[in-house]
């Protein structure tokens, strides 16, 4: 996974989104006994209005959104802030 900065290209306080996608990826890897390694899209949470760069977001609301609509991998919507 490439190094991602919340400072470039634009400042974005998306630590809440990074935490959610990291937790989901880790959980999937553990549940699959190391067979499924996926990187989910932080940008999808920002694009779909679950949270914003300026106001942050709610991890619970992000999980509700993901449960209801699914969640793309990082390659579908790369982080742009």
C-alpha atoms as a PDB file:
ATOM      1  CA  UNK A   1       0.000   0.000   0.000  1.00  0.00           C
ATOM      2  CA  UNK A   2       1.446   3.396  -0.936  1.00  0.00           C
ATOM      3  CA  UNK A   3       2.054   6.060   1.665  1.00  0.00           C
ATOM      4  CA  UNK A   4      -1.009   8.292   1.966  1.00  0.00           C
ATOM      5  CA  UNK A   5      -0.940  11.765   3.472  1.00  0.00           C
ATOM      6  CA  UNK A   6      -3.911  13.656   4.861  1.00  0.00           C
ATOM      7  CA  UNK A   7      -2.010  16.871   4.081  1.00  0.00           C
ATOM      8  CA  UNK A   8      -1.627  16.475   0.314  1.00  0.00           C
ATOM      9  CA  UNK A   9      -2.979  17.192  -2.227  1.00  0.00           C
ATOM     10  CA  UNK A  10      -5.449  18.981   0.077  1.00  0.00           C
ATOM     11  CA  UNK A  11      -5.711  18.939   3.859  1.00  0.00           C
ATOM     12  CA  UNK A  12      -8.370  16.467   4.947  1.00  0.00           C
ATOM     13  CA  UNK A  13      -9.069  15.286   8.491  1.00  0.00           C
ATOM     14  CA  UNK A  14     -10.111  11.789   7.457  1.00  0.00           C
ATOM     15  CA  UNK A  15      -8.502   9.837  10.291  1.00  0.00           C
ATOM     16  CA  UNK A  16     -11.940   8.426  11.195  1.00  0.00           C
ATOM     17  CA  UNK A  17     -12.292   7.012   7.659  1.00  0.00           C
ATOM     18  CA  UNK A  18      -8.767   5.583   7.614  1.00  0.00           C
ATOM     19  CA  UNK A  19      -9.483   3.843  10.927  1.00  0.00           C
ATOM     20  CA  UNK A  20     -12.678   2.247   9.597  1.00  0.00           C
ATOM     21  CA  UNK A  21     -11.181   0.960   6.347  1.00  0.00           C
ATOM     22  CA  UNK A  22      -8.092  -0.366   8.159  1.00  0.00           C
ATOM     23  CA  UNK A  23     -10.233  -2.195  10.704  1.00  0.00           C
ATOM     24  CA  UNK A  24     -12.407  -3.724   7.975  1.00  0.00           C
ATOM     25  CA  UNK A  25      -9.402  -4.832   5.926  1.00  0.00           C
ATOM     26  CA  UNK A  26      -7.743  -6.372   8.978  1.00  0.00           C
ATOM     27  CA  UNK A  27     -10.944  -8.138  10.019  1.00  0.00           C
ATOM     28  CA  UNK A  28     -11.393  -9.600   6.546  1.00  0.00           C
ATOM     29  CA  UNK A  29      -7.792 -10.812   6.504  1.00  0.00           C
ATOM     30  CA  UNK A  30      -8.155 -12.463   9.920  1.00  0.00           C
ATOM     31  CA  UNK A  31     -11.549 -14.053   9.158  1.00  0.00           C
ATOM     32  CA  UNK A  32     -10.242 -15.452   5.867  1.00  0.00           C
ATOM     33  CA  UNK A  33      -7.170 -16.869   7.647  1.00  0.00           C
ATOM     34  CA  UNK A  34      -4.866 -14.725   5.527  1.00  0.00           C
ATOM     35  CA  UNK A  35      -6.449 -15.522   2.165  1.00  0.00           C
ATOM     36  CA  UNK A  36      -8.180 -12.194   1.452  1.00  0.00           C
ATOM     37  CA  UNK A  37      -6.084  -9.029   1.511  1.00  0.00           C
ATOM     38  CA  UNK A  38      -8.104  -6.000   0.429  1.00  0.00           C
ATOM     39  CA  UNK A  39      -7.655  -2.253   0.691  1.00  0.00           C
ATOM     40  CA  UNK A  40     -10.963  -0.434   0.922  1.00  0.00           C
ATOM     41  CA  UNK A  41     -11.639   3.108  -0.278  1.00  0.00           C
ATOM     42  CA  UNK A  42     -11.387   5.985   2.189  1.00  0.00           C
ATOM     43  CA  UNK A  43     -12.456   8.322  -0.606  1.00  0.00           C
ATOM     44  CA  UNK A  44     -15.765   6.474  -1.034  1.00  0.00           C
ATOM     45  CA  UNK A  45     -16.807   7.460   2.493  1.00  0.00           C
ATOM     46  CA  UNK A  46     -15.970  11.102   1.760  1.00  0.00           C
ATOM     47  CA  UNK A  47     -17.616  11.080  -1.683  1.00  0.00           C
ATOM     48  CA  UNK A  48     -20.830   9.505  -0.445  1.00  0.00           C
ATOM     49  CA  UNK A  49     -21.420  12.026   2.319  1.00  0.00           C
ATOM     50  CA  UNK A  50     -20.739   9.805   5.319  1.00  0.00           C
ATOM     51  CA  UNK A  51     -18.356  12.473   6.589  1.00  0.00           C
ATOM     52  CA  UNK A  52     -16.320  15.436   5.388  1.00  0.00           C
ATOM     53  CA  UNK A  53     -12.740  16.632   5.493  1.00  0.00           C
ATOM     54  CA  UNK A  54     -13.767  19.701   7.466  1.00  0.00           C
ATOM     55  CA  UNK A  55     -16.146  18.191  10.021  1.00  0.00           C
ATOM     56  CA  UNK A  56     -14.868  14.634  10.263  1.00  0.00           C
ATOM     57  CA  UNK A  57     -17.199  11.667  10.442  1.00  0.00           C
ATOM     58  CA  UNK A  58     -18.850   9.153  12.701  1.00  0.00           C
ATOM     59  CA  UNK A  59     -17.387   5.631  12.575  1.00  0.00           C
ATOM     60  CA  UNK A  60     -20.754   4.080  13.482  1.00  0.00           C
ATOM     61  CA  UNK A  61     -22.502   5.913  10.622  1.00  0.00           C
ATOM     62  CA  UNK A  62     -19.727   4.745   8.288  1.00  0.00           C
ATOM     63  CA  UNK A  63     -20.321   1.127   9.307  1.00  0.00           C
ATOM     64  CA  UNK A  64     -24.086   1.507   8.830  1.00  0.00           C
ATOM     65  CA  UNK A  65     -23.471   2.949   5.355  1.00  0.00           C
ATOM     66  CA  UNK A  66     -21.071   0.126   4.432  1.00  0.00           C
ATOM     67  CA  UNK A  67     -23.517  -2.514   5.674  1.00  0.00           C
ATOM     68  CA  UNK A  68     -26.361  -0.984   3.662  1.00  0.00           C
ATOM     69  CA  UNK A  69     -24.570  -0.181   0.390  1.00  0.00           C
ATOM     70  CA  UNK A  70     -21.366  -2.218   0.342  1.00  0.00           C
ATOM     71  CA  UNK A  71     -17.898  -0.806  -0.057  1.00  0.00           C
ATOM     72  CA  UNK A  72     -15.517  -0.464  -3.020  1.00  0.00           C
ATOM     73  CA  UNK A  73     -11.840  -1.282  -2.976  1.00  0.00           C
ATOM     74  CA  UNK A  74      -9.213   1.466  -3.035  1.00  0.00           C
ATOM     75  CA  UNK A  75      -8.640   1.056  -6.795  1.00  0.00           C
ATOM     76  CA  UNK A  76     -12.211   2.130  -7.553  1.00  0.00           C
ATOM     77  CA  UNK A  77     -11.981   5.472  -5.740  1.00  0.00           C
ATOM     78  CA  UNK A  78      -8.427   6.423  -4.856  1.00  0.00           C
ATOM     79  CA  UNK A  79      -7.831   8.866  -2.015  1.00  0.00           C
ATOM     80  CA  UNK A  80      -7.757  12.491  -3.204  1.00  0.00           C
ATOM     81  CA  UNK A  81      -8.878  14.335  -0.044  1.00  0.00           C
END
